[in-house]
Amino acid sequence: QLIHVHNHTLSFIQTRGSVPVFWSQVGYR
């Protein structure tokens, strides 16, 4: 997310993803 105001630019970065361990979910339900 970037906001530019009064010749200043502010940035905030957010990341998301799956839990970083070896796991799975089997099935279609």
mmCIF file of all heavy atoms, coordinates in Angstrom:
data_MODEL
# 
_entry.id   MODEL 
# 
loop_
_atom_site.group_PDB 
_atom_site.id 
_atom_site.type_symbol 
_atom_site.label_atom_id 
_atom_site.label_alt_id 
_atom_site.label_comp_id 
_atom_site.label_asym_id 
_atom_site.label_entity_id 
_atom_site.label_seq_id 
_atom_site.pdbx_PDB_ins_code 
_atom_site.Cartn_x 
_atom_site.Cartn_y 
_atom_site.Cartn_z 
_atom_site.occupancy 
_atom_site.B_iso_or_equiv 
_atom_site.pdbx_formal_charge 
_atom_site.auth_seq_id 
_atom_site.auth_comp_id 
_atom_site.auth_asym_id 
_atom_site.auth_atom_id 
_atom_site.pdbx_PDB_model_num 
ATOM 1   N N   . GLN A 1 1  ? 0.865   -1.173  0.000  1.00 0.00 ? 1  GLN A N   1 
ATOM 2   C CA  . GLN A 1 1  ? 0.000   0.000   0.000  1.00 0.00 ? 1  GLN A CA  1 
ATOM 3   C C   . GLN A 1 1  ? 0.908   1.230   0.000  1.00 0.00 ? 1  GLN A C   1 
ATOM 4   O O   . GLN A 1 1  ? 1.756   1.358   0.868  1.00 0.00 ? 1  GLN A O   1 
ATOM 5   C CB  . GLN A 1 1  ? -0.870  0.023   1.247  1.00 0.00 ? 1  GLN A CB  1 
ATOM 6   C CG  . GLN A 1 1  ? -1.751  -1.194  1.389  1.00 0.00 ? 1  GLN A CG  1 
ATOM 7   C CD  . GLN A 1 1  ? -2.345  -1.291  2.781  1.00 0.00 ? 1  GLN A CD  1 
ATOM 8   O OE1 . GLN A 1 1  ? -2.867  -0.322  3.308  1.00 0.00 ? 1  GLN A OE1 1 
ATOM 9   N NE2 . GLN A 1 1  ? -2.239  -2.462  3.385  1.00 0.00 ? 1  GLN A NE2 1 
ATOM 10  N N   . LEU A 1 2  ? 0.725   2.094   -0.966 1.00 0.00 ? 2  LEU A N   1 
ATOM 11  C CA  . LEU A 1 2  ? 1.533   3.306   -1.082 1.00 0.00 ? 2  LEU A CA  1 
ATOM 12  C C   . LEU A 1 2  ? 0.627   4.517   -0.958 1.00 0.00 ? 2  LEU A C   1 
ATOM 13  O O   . LEU A 1 2  ? -0.457  4.555   -1.542 1.00 0.00 ? 2  LEU A O   1 
ATOM 14  C CB  . LEU A 1 2  ? 2.235   3.352   -2.438 1.00 0.00 ? 2  LEU A CB  1 
ATOM 15  C CG  . LEU A 1 2  ? 3.252   2.250   -2.677 1.00 0.00 ? 2  LEU A CG  1 
ATOM 16  C CD1 . LEU A 1 2  ? 3.359   1.933   -4.139 1.00 0.00 ? 2  LEU A CD1 1 
ATOM 17  C CD2 . LEU A 1 2  ? 4.585   2.682   -2.115 1.00 0.00 ? 2  LEU A CD2 1 
ATOM 18  N N   . ILE A 1 3  ? 1.070   5.506   -0.193 1.00 0.00 ? 3  ILE A N   1 
ATOM 19  C CA  . ILE A 1 3  ? 0.355   6.772   -0.071 1.00 0.00 ? 3  ILE A CA  1 
ATOM 20  C C   . ILE A 1 3  ? 1.350   7.884   -0.364 1.00 0.00 ? 3  ILE A C   1 
ATOM 21  O O   . ILE A 1 3  ? 2.409   7.949   0.250  1.00 0.00 ? 3  ILE A O   1 
ATOM 22  C CB  . ILE A 1 3  ? -0.250  6.964   1.335  1.00 0.00 ? 3  ILE A CB  1 
ATOM 23  C CG1 . ILE A 1 3  ? -1.256  5.854   1.625  1.00 0.00 ? 3  ILE A CG1 1 
ATOM 24  C CG2 . ILE A 1 3  ? -0.899  8.341   1.456  1.00 0.00 ? 3  ILE A CG2 1 
ATOM 25  C CD1 . ILE A 1 3  ? -1.810  5.883   3.026  1.00 0.00 ? 3  ILE A CD1 1 
ATOM 26  N N   . HIS A 1 4  ? 0.994   8.730   -1.328 1.00 0.00 ? 4  HIS A N   1 
ATOM 27  C CA  . HIS A 1 4  ? 1.846   9.872   -1.672 1.00 0.00 ? 4  HIS A CA  1 
ATOM 28  C C   . HIS A 1 4  ? 1.092   11.145  -1.306 1.00 0.00 ? 4  HIS A C   1 
ATOM 29  O O   . HIS A 1 4  ? -0.016  11.388  -1.787 1.00 0.00 ? 4  HIS A O   1 
ATOM 30  C CB  . HIS A 1 4  ? 2.182   9.857   -3.163 1.00 0.00 ? 4  HIS A CB  1 
ATOM 31  C CG  . HIS A 1 4  ? 3.080   10.986  -3.554 1.00 0.00 ? 4  HIS A CG  1 
ATOM 32  N ND1 . HIS A 1 4  ? 4.434   10.956  -3.339 1.00 0.00 ? 4  HIS A ND1 1 
ATOM 33  C CD2 . HIS A 1 4  ? 2.804   12.187  -4.112 1.00 0.00 ? 4  HIS A CD2 1 
ATOM 34  C CE1 . HIS A 1 4  ? 4.967   12.084  -3.766 1.00 0.00 ? 4  HIS A CE1 1 
ATOM 35  N NE2 . HIS A 1 4  ? 4.001   12.847  -4.236 1.00 0.00 ? 4  HIS A NE2 1 
ATOM 36  N N   . VAL A 1 5  ? 1.700   11.948  -0.432 1.00 0.00 ? 5  VAL A N   1 
ATOM 37  C CA  . VAL A 1 5  ? 1.094   13.209  -0.011 1.00 0.00 ? 5  VAL A CA  1 
ATOM 38  C C   . VAL A 1 5  ? 2.207   14.184  0.370  1.00 0.00 ? 5  VAL A C   1 
ATOM 39  O O   . VAL A 1 5  ? 3.208   13.785  0.964  1.00 0.00 ? 5  VAL A O   1 
ATOM 40  C CB  . VAL A 1 5  ? 0.105   12.996  1.166  1.00 0.00 ? 5  VAL A CB  1 
ATOM 41  C CG1 . VAL A 1 5  ? 0.793   12.458  2.390  1.00 0.00 ? 5  VAL A CG1 1 
ATOM 42  C CG2 . VAL A 1 5  ? -0.665  14.267  1.488  1.00 0.00 ? 5  VAL A CG2 1 
ATOM 43  N N   . HIS A 1 6  ? 2.040   15.440  0.006  1.00 0.00 ? 6  HIS A N   1 
ATOM 44  C CA  . HIS A 1 6  ? 3.018   16.489  0.338  1.00 0.00 ? 6  HIS A CA  1 
ATOM 45  C C   . HIS A 1 6  ? 4.449   16.091  -0.042 1.00 0.00 ? 6  HIS A C   1 
ATOM 46  O O   . HIS A 1 6  ? 5.379   16.232  0.738  1.00 0.00 ? 6  HIS A O   1 
ATOM 47  C CB  . HIS A 1 6  ? 2.968   16.836  1.831  1.00 0.00 ? 6  HIS A CB  1 
ATOM 48  C CG  . HIS A 1 6  ? 1.634   17.283  2.306  1.00 0.00 ? 6  HIS A CG  1 
ATOM 49  N ND1 . HIS A 1 6  ? 1.065   18.470  1.924  1.00 0.00 ? 6  HIS A ND1 1 
ATOM 50  C CD2 . HIS A 1 6  ? 0.744   16.697  3.138  1.00 0.00 ? 6  HIS A CD2 1 
ATOM 51  C CE1 . HIS A 1 6  ? -0.112  18.600  2.489  1.00 0.00 ? 6  HIS A CE1 1 
ATOM 52  N NE2 . HIS A 1 6  ? -0.338  17.538  3.230  1.00 0.00 ? 6  HIS A NE2 1 
ATOM 53  N N   . ASN A 1 7  ? 4.628   15.549  -1.201 1.00 0.00 ? 7  ASN A N   1 
ATOM 54  C CA  . ASN A 1 7  ? 5.947   15.124  -1.705 1.00 0.00 ? 7  ASN A CA  1 
ATOM 55  C C   . ASN A 1 7  ? 6.601   14.039  -0.858 1.00 0.00 ? 7  ASN A C   1 
ATOM 56  O O   . ASN A 1 7  ? 7.814   13.874  -0.878 1.00 0.00 ? 7  ASN A O   1 
ATOM 57  C CB  . ASN A 1 7  ? 6.905   16.322  -1.854 1.00 0.00 ? 7  ASN A CB  1 
ATOM 58  C CG  . ASN A 1 7  ? 6.409   17.281  -2.908 1.00 0.00 ? 7  ASN A CG  1 
ATOM 59  O OD1 . ASN A 1 7  ? 5.901   16.863  -3.952 1.00 0.00 ? 7  ASN A OD1 1 
ATOM 60  N ND2 . ASN A 1 7  ? 6.535   18.564  -2.646 1.00 0.00 ? 7  ASN A ND2 1 
ATOM 61  N N   . HIS A 1 8  ? 5.816   13.318  -0.089 1.00 0.00 ? 8  HIS A N   1 
ATOM 62  C CA  . HIS A 1 8  ? 6.306   12.183  0.691  1.00 0.00 ? 8  HIS A CA  1 
ATOM 63  C C   . HIS A 1 8  ? 5.559   10.939  0.245  1.00 0.00 ? 8  HIS A C   1 
ATOM 64  O O   . HIS A 1 8  ? 4.347   10.992  0.004  1.00 0.00 ? 8  HIS A O   1 
ATOM 65  C CB  . HIS A 1 8  ? 6.078   12.387  2.190  1.00 0.00 ? 8  HIS A CB  1 
ATOM 66  C CG  . HIS A 1 8  ? 6.811   13.548  2.756  1.00 0.00 ? 8  HIS A CG  1 
ATOM 67  N ND1 . HIS A 1 8  ? 8.160   13.524  3.016  1.00 0.00 ? 8  HIS A ND1 1 
ATOM 68  C CD2 . HIS A 1 8  ? 6.384   14.784  3.109  1.00 0.00 ? 8  HIS A CD2 1 
ATOM 69  C CE1 . HIS A 1 8  ? 8.534   14.689  3.506  1.00 0.00 ? 8  HIS A CE1 1 
ATOM 70  N NE2 . HIS A 1 8  ? 7.468   15.481  3.579  1.00 0.00 ? 8  HIS A NE2 1 
ATOM 71  N N   . THR A 1 9  ? 6.267   9.839   0.163  1.00 0.00 ? 9  THR A N   1 
ATOM 72  C CA  . THR A 1 9  ? 5.631   8.567   -0.172 1.00 0.00 ? 9  THR A CA  1 
ATOM 73  C C   . THR A 1 9  ? 5.826   7.610   0.992  1.00 0.00 ? 9  THR A C   1 
ATOM 74  O O   . THR A 1 9  ? 6.951   7.406   1.461  1.00 0.00 ? 9  THR A O   1 
ATOM 75  C CB  . THR A 1 9  ? 6.229   7.968   -1.464 1.00 0.00 ? 9  THR A CB  1 
ATOM 76  O OG1 . THR A 1 9  ? 6.048   8.917   -2.524 1.00 0.00 ? 9  THR A OG1 1 
ATOM 77  C CG2 . THR A 1 9  ? 5.533   6.663   -1.824 1.00 0.00 ? 9  THR A CG2 1 
ATOM 78  N N   . LEU A 1 10 ? 4.726   7.055   1.464  1.00 0.00 ? 10 LEU A N   1 
ATOM 79  C CA  . LEU A 1 10 ? 4.735   6.092   2.559  1.00 0.00 ? 10 LEU A CA  1 
ATOM 80  C C   . LEU A 1 10 ? 4.358   4.729   1.996  1.00 0.00 ? 10 LEU A C   1 
ATOM 81  O O   . LEU A 1 10 ? 3.505   4.630   1.123  1.00 0.00 ? 10 LEU A O   1 
ATOM 82  C CB  . LEU A 1 10 ? 3.728   6.502   3.630  1.00 0.00 ? 10 LEU A CB  1 
ATOM 83  C CG  . LEU A 1 10 ? 3.840   7.939   4.126  1.00 0.00 ? 10 LEU A CG  1 
ATOM 84  C CD1 . LEU A 1 10 ? 2.603   8.326   4.916  1.00 0.00 ? 10 LEU A CD1 1 
ATOM 85  C CD2 . LEU A 1 10 ? 5.085   8.107   4.971  1.00 0.00 ? 10 LEU A CD2 1 
ATOM 86  N N   . SER A 1 11 ? 4.982   3.692   2.529  1.00 0.00 ? 11 SER A N   1 
ATOM 87  C CA  . SER A 1 11 ? 4.717   2.351   2.032  1.00 0.00 ? 11 SER A CA  1 
ATOM 88  C C   . SER A 1 11 ? 4.491   1.399   3.203  1.00 0.00 ? 11 SER A C   1 
ATOM 89  O O   . SER A 1 11 ? 5.164   1.489   4.229  1.00 0.00 ? 11 SER A O   1 
ATOM 90  C CB  . SER A 1 11 ? 5.918   1.865   1.206  1.00 0.00 ? 11 SER A CB  1 
ATOM 91  O OG  . SER A 1 11 ? 5.794   0.492   0.910  1.00 0.00 ? 11 SER A OG  1 
ATOM 92  N N   . PHE A 1 12 ? 3.538   0.489   3.030  1.00 0.00 ? 12 PHE A N   1 
ATOM 93  C CA  . PHE A 1 12 ? 3.308   -0.578  3.994  1.00 0.00 ? 12 PHE A CA  1 
ATOM 94  C C   . PHE A 1 12 ? 3.166   -1.867  3.206  1.00 0.00 ? 12 PHE A C   1 
ATOM 95  O O   . PHE A 1 12 ? 2.374   -1.943  2.270  1.00 0.00 ? 12 PHE A O   1 
ATOM 96  C CB  . PHE A 1 12 ? 2.027   -0.314  4.800  1.00 0.00 ? 12 PHE A CB  1 
ATOM 97  C CG  . PHE A 1 12 ? 1.681   -1.439  5.736  1.00 0.00 ? 12 PHE A CG  1 
ATOM 98  C CD1 . PHE A 1 12 ? 2.398   -1.615  6.913  1.00 0.00 ? 12 PHE A CD1 1 
ATOM 99  C CD2 . PHE A 1 12 ? 0.669   -2.329  5.436  1.00 0.00 ? 12 PHE A CD2 1 
ATOM 100 C CE1 . PHE A 1 12 ? 2.091   -2.654  7.784  1.00 0.00 ? 12 PHE A CE1 1 
ATOM 101 C CE2 . PHE A 1 12 ? 0.347   -3.364  6.297  1.00 0.00 ? 12 PHE A CE2 1 
ATOM 102 C CZ  . PHE A 1 12 ? 1.066   -3.525  7.470  1.00 0.00 ? 12 PHE A CZ  1 
ATOM 103 N N   . ILE A 1 13 ? 3.971   -2.862  3.559  1.00 0.00 ? 13 ILE A N   1 
ATOM 104 C CA  . ILE A 1 13 ? 3.953   -4.136  2.849  1.00 0.00 ? 13 ILE A CA  1 
ATOM 105 C C   . ILE A 1 13 ? 3.457   -5.224  3.775  1.00 0.00 ? 13 ILE A C   1 
ATOM 106 O O   . ILE A 1 13 ? 3.895   -5.343  4.914  1.00 0.00 ? 13 ILE A O   1 
ATOM 107 C CB  . ILE A 1 13 ? 5.345   -4.502  2.302  1.00 0.00 ? 13 ILE A CB  1 
ATOM 108 C CG1 . ILE A 1 13 ? 5.791   -3.454  1.284  1.00 0.00 ? 13 ILE A CG1 1 
ATOM 109 C CG2 . ILE A 1 13 ? 5.330   -5.893  1.673  1.00 0.00 ? 13 ILE A CG2 1 
ATOM 110 C CD1 . ILE A 1 13 ? 7.175   -3.664  0.739  1.00 0.00 ? 13 ILE A CD1 1 
ATOM 111 N N   . GLN A 1 14 ? 2.534   -6.014  3.252  1.00 0.00 ? 14 GLN A N   1 
ATOM 112 C CA  . GLN A 1 14 ? 1.978   -7.151  3.981  1.00 0.00 ? 14 GLN A CA  1 
ATOM 113 C C   . GLN A 1 14 ? 2.126   -8.375  3.087  1.00 0.00 ? 14 GLN A C   1 
ATOM 114 O O   . GLN A 1 14 ? 1.843   -8.311  1.894  1.00 0.00 ? 14 GLN A O   1 
ATOM 115 C CB  . GLN A 1 14 ? 0.507   -6.883  4.265  1.00 0.00 ? 14 GLN A CB  1 
ATOM 116 C CG  . GLN A 1 14 ? -0.226  -8.005  4.925  1.00 0.00 ? 14 GLN A CG  1 
ATOM 117 C CD  . GLN A 1 14 ? -1.669  -7.629  5.200  1.00 0.00 ? 14 GLN A CD  1 
ATOM 118 O OE1 . GLN A 1 14 ? -1.982  -6.501  5.519  1.00 0.00 ? 14 GLN A OE1 1 
ATOM 119 N NE2 . GLN A 1 14 ? -2.545  -8.585  5.063  1.00 0.00 ? 14 GLN A NE2 1 
ATOM 120 N N   . THR A 1 15 ? 2.605   -9.471  3.667  1.00 0.00 ? 15 THR A N   1 
ATOM 121 C CA  . THR A 1 15 ? 2.694   -10.710 2.910  1.00 0.00 ? 15 THR A CA  1 
ATOM 122 C C   . THR A 1 15 ? 1.765   -11.732 3.545  1.00 0.00 ? 15 THR A C   1 
ATOM 123 O O   . THR A 1 15 ? 1.457   -11.660 4.735  1.00 0.00 ? 15 THR A O   1 
ATOM 124 C CB  . THR A 1 15 ? 4.135   -11.265 2.877  1.00 0.00 ? 15 THR A CB  1 
ATOM 125 O OG1 . THR A 1 15 ? 4.559   -11.555 4.204  1.00 0.00 ? 15 THR A OG1 1 
ATOM 126 C CG2 . THR A 1 15 ? 5.092   -10.285 2.230  1.00 0.00 ? 15 THR A CG2 1 
ATOM 127 N N   . ARG A 1 16 ? 1.335   -12.681 2.758  1.00 0.00 ? 16 ARG A N   1 
ATOM 128 C CA  . ARG A 1 16 ? 0.512   -13.767 3.282  1.00 0.00 ? 16 ARG A CA  1 
ATOM 129 C C   . ARG A 1 16 ? 0.866   -15.024 2.498  1.00 0.00 ? 16 ARG A C   1 
ATOM 130 O O   . ARG A 1 16 ? 1.329   -14.962 1.372  1.00 0.00 ? 16 ARG A O   1 
ATOM 131 C CB  . ARG A 1 16 ? -0.977  -13.467 3.164  1.00 0.00 ? 16 ARG A CB  1 
ATOM 132 C CG  . ARG A 1 16 ? -1.463  -13.437 1.731  1.00 0.00 ? 16 ARG A CG  1 
ATOM 133 C CD  . ARG A 1 16 ? -2.940  -13.685 1.563  1.00 0.00 ? 16 ARG A CD  1 
ATOM 134 N NE  . ARG A 1 16 ? -3.400  -14.956 2.043  1.00 0.00 ? 16 ARG A NE  1 
ATOM 135 C CZ  . ARG A 1 16 ? -3.332  -16.110 1.377  1.00 0.00 ? 16 ARG A CZ  1 
ATOM 136 N NH1 . ARG A 1 16 ? -2.786  -16.161 0.188  1.00 0.00 ? 16 ARG A NH1 1 
ATOM 137 N NH2 . ARG A 1 16 ? -3.816  -17.205 1.908  1.00 0.00 ? 16 ARG A NH2 1 
ATOM 138 N N   . GLY A 1 17 ? 0.656   -16.125 3.140  1.00 0.00 ? 17 GLY A N   1 
ATOM 139 C CA  . GLY A 1 17 ? 0.895   -17.399 2.479  1.00 0.00 ? 17 GLY A CA  1 
ATOM 140 C C   . GLY A 1 17 ? 0.538   -18.529 3.414  1.00 0.00 ? 17 GLY A C   1 
ATOM 141 O O   . GLY A 1 17 ? 0.148   -18.324 4.561  1.00 0.00 ? 17 GLY A O   1 
ATOM 142 N N   . SER A 1 18 ? 0.690   -19.708 2.918  1.00 0.00 ? 18 SER A N   1 
ATOM 143 C CA  . SER A 1 18 ? 0.388   -20.894 3.700  1.00 0.00 ? 18 SER A CA  1 
ATOM 144 C C   . SER A 1 18 ? 1.380   -21.030 4.852  1.00 0.00 ? 18 SER A C   1 
ATOM 145 O O   . SER A 1 18 ? 2.507   -20.539 4.784  1.00 0.00 ? 18 SER A O   1 
ATOM 146 C CB  . SER A 1 18 ? 0.478   -22.116 2.783  1.00 0.00 ? 18 SER A CB  1 
ATOM 147 O OG  . SER A 1 18 ? 0.008   -23.264 3.418  1.00 0.00 ? 18 SER A OG  1 
ATOM 148 N N   . VAL A 1 19 ? 0.971   -21.701 5.911  1.00 0.00 ? 19 VAL A N   1 
ATOM 149 C CA  . VAL A 1 19 ? 1.851   -21.934 7.063  1.00 0.00 ? 19 VAL A CA  1 
ATOM 150 C C   . VAL A 1 19 ? 3.084   -22.706 6.575  1.00 0.00 ? 19 VAL A C   1 
ATOM 151 O O   . VAL A 1 19 ? 2.951   -23.745 5.932  1.00 0.00 ? 19 VAL A O   1 
ATOM 152 C CB  . VAL A 1 19 ? 1.115   -22.721 8.162  1.00 0.00 ? 19 VAL A CB  1 
ATOM 153 C CG1 . VAL A 1 19 ? 2.057   -23.116 9.282  1.00 0.00 ? 19 VAL A CG1 1 
ATOM 154 C CG2 . VAL A 1 19 ? -0.041  -21.892 8.710  1.00 0.00 ? 19 VAL A CG2 1 
ATOM 155 N N   . PRO A 1 20 ? 4.305   -22.206 6.858  1.00 0.00 ? 20 PRO A N   1 
ATOM 156 C CA  . PRO A 1 20 ? 5.527   -22.792 6.293  1.00 0.00 ? 20 PRO A CA  1 
ATOM 157 C C   . PRO A 1 20 ? 6.018   -24.054 7.007  1.00 0.00 ? 20 PRO A C   1 
ATOM 158 O O   . PRO A 1 20 ? 7.143   -24.115 7.506  1.00 0.00 ? 20 PRO A O   1 
ATOM 159 C CB  . PRO A 1 20 ? 6.539   -21.650 6.398  1.00 0.00 ? 20 PRO A CB  1 
ATOM 160 C CG  . PRO A 1 20 ? 6.074   -20.839 7.545  1.00 0.00 ? 20 PRO A CG  1 
ATOM 161 C CD  . PRO A 1 20 ? 4.583   -20.957 7.572  1.00 0.00 ? 20 PRO A CD  1 
ATOM 162 N N   . VAL A 1 21 ? 5.166   -25.051 7.058  1.00 0.00 ? 21 VAL A N   1 
ATOM 163 C CA  . VAL A 1 21 ? 5.543   -26.397 7.487  1.00 0.00 ? 21 VAL A CA  1 
ATOM 164 C C   . VAL A 1 21 ? 5.005   -27.345 6.415  1.00 0.00 ? 21 VAL A C   1 
ATOM 165 O O   . VAL A 1 21 ? 4.193   -26.954 5.580  1.00 0.00 ? 21 VAL A O   1 
ATOM 166 C CB  . VAL A 1 21 ? 4.996   -26.758 8.895  1.00 0.00 ? 21 VAL A CB  1 
ATOM 167 C CG1 . VAL A 1 21 ? 5.542   -25.808 9.954  1.00 0.00 ? 21 VAL A CG1 1 
ATOM 168 C CG2 . VAL A 1 21 ? 3.483   -26.767 8.927  1.00 0.00 ? 21 VAL A CG2 1 
ATOM 169 N N   . PHE A 1 22 ? 5.447   -28.599 6.433  1.00 0.00 ? 22 PHE A N   1 
ATOM 170 C CA  . PHE A 1 22 ? 4.968   -29.568 5.452  1.00 0.00 ? 22 PHE A CA  1 
ATOM 171 C C   . PHE A 1 22 ? 3.613   -30.100 5.911  1.00 0.00 ? 22 PHE A C   1 
ATOM 172 O O   . PHE A 1 22 ? 3.527   -30.877 6.864  1.00 0.00 ? 22 PHE A O   1 
ATOM 173 C CB  . PHE A 1 22 ? 5.969   -30.718 5.294  1.00 0.00 ? 22 PHE A CB  1 
ATOM 174 C CG  . PHE A 1 22 ? 7.211   -30.315 4.560  1.00 0.00 ? 22 PHE A CG  1 
ATOM 175 C CD1 . PHE A 1 22 ? 8.373   -30.035 5.250  1.00 0.00 ? 22 PHE A CD1 1 
ATOM 176 C CD2 . PHE A 1 22 ? 7.212   -30.208 3.181  1.00 0.00 ? 22 PHE A CD2 1 
ATOM 177 C CE1 . PHE A 1 22 ? 9.522   -29.656 4.582  1.00 0.00 ? 22 PHE A CE1 1 
ATOM 178 C CE2 . PHE A 1 22 ? 8.360   -29.823 2.500  1.00 0.00 ? 22 PHE A CE2 1 
ATOM 179 C CZ  . PHE A 1 22 ? 9.513   -29.552 3.202  1.00 0.00 ? 22 PHE A CZ  1 
ATOM 180 N N   . TRP A 1 23 ? 2.551   -29.685 5.236  1.00 0.00 ? 23 TRP A N   1 
ATOM 181 C CA  . TRP A 1 23 ? 1.205   -30.125 5.586  1.00 0.00 ? 23 TRP A CA  1 
ATOM 182 C C   . TRP A 1 23 ? 0.334   -30.147 4.341  1.00 0.00 ? 23 TRP A C   1 
ATOM 183 O O   . TRP A 1 23 ? 0.680   -29.577 3.312  1.00 0.00 ? 23 TRP A O   1 
ATOM 184 C CB  . TRP A 1 23 ? 0.589   -29.272 6.686  1.00 0.00 ? 23 TRP A CB  1 
ATOM 185 C CG  . TRP A 1 23 ? 0.271   -27.851 6.335  1.00 0.00 ? 23 TRP A CG  1 
ATOM 186 C CD1 . TRP A 1 23 ? 1.158   -26.816 6.199  1.00 0.00 ? 23 TRP A CD1 1 
ATOM 187 C CD2 . TRP A 1 23 ? -1.018  -27.304 6.097  1.00 0.00 ? 23 TRP A CD2 1 
ATOM 188 N NE1 . TRP A 1 23 ? 0.497   -25.663 5.899  1.00 0.00 ? 23 TRP A NE1 1 
ATOM 189 C CE2 . TRP A 1 23 ? -0.841  -25.927 5.827  1.00 0.00 ? 23 TRP A CE2 1 
ATOM 190 C CE3 . TRP A 1 23 ? -2.306  -27.821 6.089  1.00 0.00 ? 23 TRP A CE3 1 
ATOM 191 C CZ2 . TRP A 1 23 ? -1.905  -25.076 5.549  1.00 0.00 ? 23 TRP A CZ2 1 
ATOM 192 C CZ3 . TRP A 1 23 ? -3.365  -26.975 5.812  1.00 0.00 ? 23 TRP A CZ3 1 
ATOM 193 C CH2 . TRP A 1 23 ? -3.158  -25.618 5.558  1.00 0.00 ? 23 TRP A CH2 1 
ATOM 194 N N   . SER A 1 24 ? -0.787  -30.827 4.453  1.00 0.00 ? 24 SER A N   1 
ATOM 195 C CA  . SER A 1 24 ? -1.705  -30.930 3.322  1.00 0.00 ? 24 SER A CA  1 
ATOM 196 C C   . SER A 1 24 ? -3.118  -31.169 3.835  1.00 0.00 ? 24 SER A C   1 
ATOM 197 O O   . SER A 1 24 ? -3.329  -31.407 5.025  1.00 0.00 ? 24 SER A O   1 
ATOM 198 C CB  . SER A 1 24 ? -1.292  -32.067 2.393  1.00 0.00 ? 24 SER A CB  1 
ATOM 199 O OG  . SER A 1 24 ? -1.310  -33.301 3.088  1.00 0.00 ? 24 SER A OG  1 
ATOM 200 N N   . GLN A 1 25 ? -4.059  -31.076 2.917  1.00 0.00 ? 25 GLN A N   1 
ATOM 201 C CA  . GLN A 1 25 ? -5.457  -31.409 3.181  1.00 0.00 ? 25 GLN A CA  1 
ATOM 202 C C   . GLN A 1 25 ? -5.914  -32.286 2.031  1.00 0.00 ? 25 GLN A C   1 
ATOM 203 O O   . GLN A 1 25 ? -5.864  -31.881 0.868  1.00 0.00 ? 25 GLN A O   1 
ATOM 204 C CB  . GLN A 1 25 ? -6.319  -30.150 3.270  1.00 0.00 ? 25 GLN A CB  1 
ATOM 205 C CG  . GLN A 1 25 ? -6.081  -29.377 4.543  1.00 0.00 ? 25 GLN A CG  1 
ATOM 206 C CD  . GLN A 1 25 ? -6.917  -28.121 4.606  1.00 0.00 ? 25 GLN A CD  1 
ATOM 207 O OE1 . GLN A 1 25 ? -6.707  -27.218 3.809  1.00 0.00 ? 25 GLN A OE1 1 
ATOM 208 N NE2 . GLN A 1 25 ? -7.834  -28.042 5.551  1.00 0.00 ? 25 GLN A NE2 1 
ATOM 209 N N   . VAL A 1 26 ? -6.351  -33.480 2.340  1.00 0.00 ? 26 VAL A N   1 
ATOM 210 C CA  . VAL A 1 26 ? -6.722  -34.454 1.322  1.00 0.00 ? 26 VAL A CA  1 
ATOM 211 C C   . VAL A 1 26 ? -8.237  -34.528 1.216  1.00 0.00 ? 26 VAL A C   1 
ATOM 212 O O   . VAL A 1 26 ? -8.936  -34.523 2.220  1.00 0.00 ? 26 VAL A O   1 
ATOM 213 C CB  . VAL A 1 26 ? -6.143  -35.844 1.667  1.00 0.00 ? 26 VAL A CB  1 
ATOM 214 C CG1 . VAL A 1 26 ? -6.553  -36.873 0.623  1.00 0.00 ? 26 VAL A CG1 1 
ATOM 215 C CG2 . VAL A 1 26 ? -4.631  -35.766 1.777  1.00 0.00 ? 26 VAL A CG2 1 
ATOM 216 N N   . GLY A 1 27 ? -8.726  -34.604 0.005  1.00 0.00 ? 27 GLY A N   1 
ATOM 217 C CA  . GLY A 1 27 ? -10.160 -34.753 -0.219 1.00 0.00 ? 27 GLY A CA  1 
ATOM 218 C C   . GLY A 1 27 ? -10.758 -33.527 -0.860 1.00 0.00 ? 27 GLY A C   1 
ATOM 219 O O   . GLY A 1 27 ? -10.124 -32.470 -0.937 1.00 0.00 ? 27 GLY A O   1 
ATOM 220 N N   . TYR A 1 28 ? -11.989 -33.668 -1.328 1.00 0.00 ? 28 TYR A N   1 
ATOM 221 C CA  . TYR A 1 28 ? -12.661 -32.579 -2.032 1.00 0.00 ? 28 TYR A CA  1 
ATOM 222 C C   . TYR A 1 28 ? -13.767 -31.930 -1.205 1.00 0.00 ? 28 TYR A C   1 
ATOM 223 O O   . TYR A 1 28 ? -14.280 -30.897 -1.570 1.00 0.00 ? 28 TYR A O   1 
ATOM 224 C CB  . TYR A 1 28 ? -13.263 -33.093 -3.349 1.00 0.00 ? 28 TYR A CB  1 
ATOM 225 C CG  . TYR A 1 28 ? -12.192 -33.491 -4.328 1.00 0.00 ? 28 TYR A CG  1 
ATOM 226 C CD1 . TYR A 1 28 ? -11.862 -34.823 -4.510 1.00 0.00 ? 28 TYR A CD1 1 
ATOM 227 C CD2 . TYR A 1 28 ? -11.515 -32.526 -5.050 1.00 0.00 ? 28 TYR A CD2 1 
ATOM 228 C CE1 . TYR A 1 28 ? -10.873 -35.186 -5.405 1.00 0.00 ? 28 TYR A CE1 1 
ATOM 229 C CE2 . TYR A 1 28 ? -10.517 -32.879 -5.953 1.00 0.00 ? 28 TYR A CE2 1 
ATOM 230 C CZ  . TYR A 1 28 ? -10.212 -34.213 -6.118 1.00 0.00 ? 28 TYR A CZ  1 
ATOM 231 O OH  . TYR A 1 28 ? -9.231  -34.563 -6.997 1.00 0.00 ? 28 TYR A OH  1 
ATOM 232 N N   . ARG A 1 29 ? -14.154 -32.535 -0.112 1.00 0.00 ? 29 ARG A N   1 
ATOM 233 C CA  . ARG A 1 29 ? -15.244 -31.967 0.666  1.00 0.00 ? 29 ARG A CA  1 
ATOM 234 C C   . ARG A 1 29 ? -14.797 -30.647 1.299  1.00 0.00 ? 29 ARG A C   1 
ATOM 235 O O   . ARG A 1 29 ? -13.597 -30.374 1.414  1.00 0.00 ? 29 ARG A O   1 
ATOM 236 C CB  . ARG A 1 29 ? -15.733 -32.940 1.730  1.00 0.00 ? 29 ARG A CB  1 
ATOM 237 C CG  . ARG A 1 29 ? -14.715 -33.255 2.778  1.00 0.00 ? 29 ARG A CG  1 
ATOM 238 C CD  . ARG A 1 29 ? -15.199 -34.392 3.682  1.00 0.00 ? 29 ARG A CD  1 
ATOM 239 N NE  . ARG A 1 29 ? -14.071 -34.815 4.484  1.00 0.00 ? 29 ARG A NE  1 
ATOM 240 C CZ  . ARG A 1 29 ? -13.917 -34.524 5.753  1.00 0.00 ? 29 ARG A CZ  1 
ATOM 241 N NH1 . ARG A 1 29 ? -14.825 -33.841 6.395  1.00 0.00 ? 29 ARG A NH1 1 
ATOM 242 N NH2 . ARG A 1 29 ? -12.856 -34.925 6.409  1.00 0.00 ? 29 ARG A NH2 1 
# 
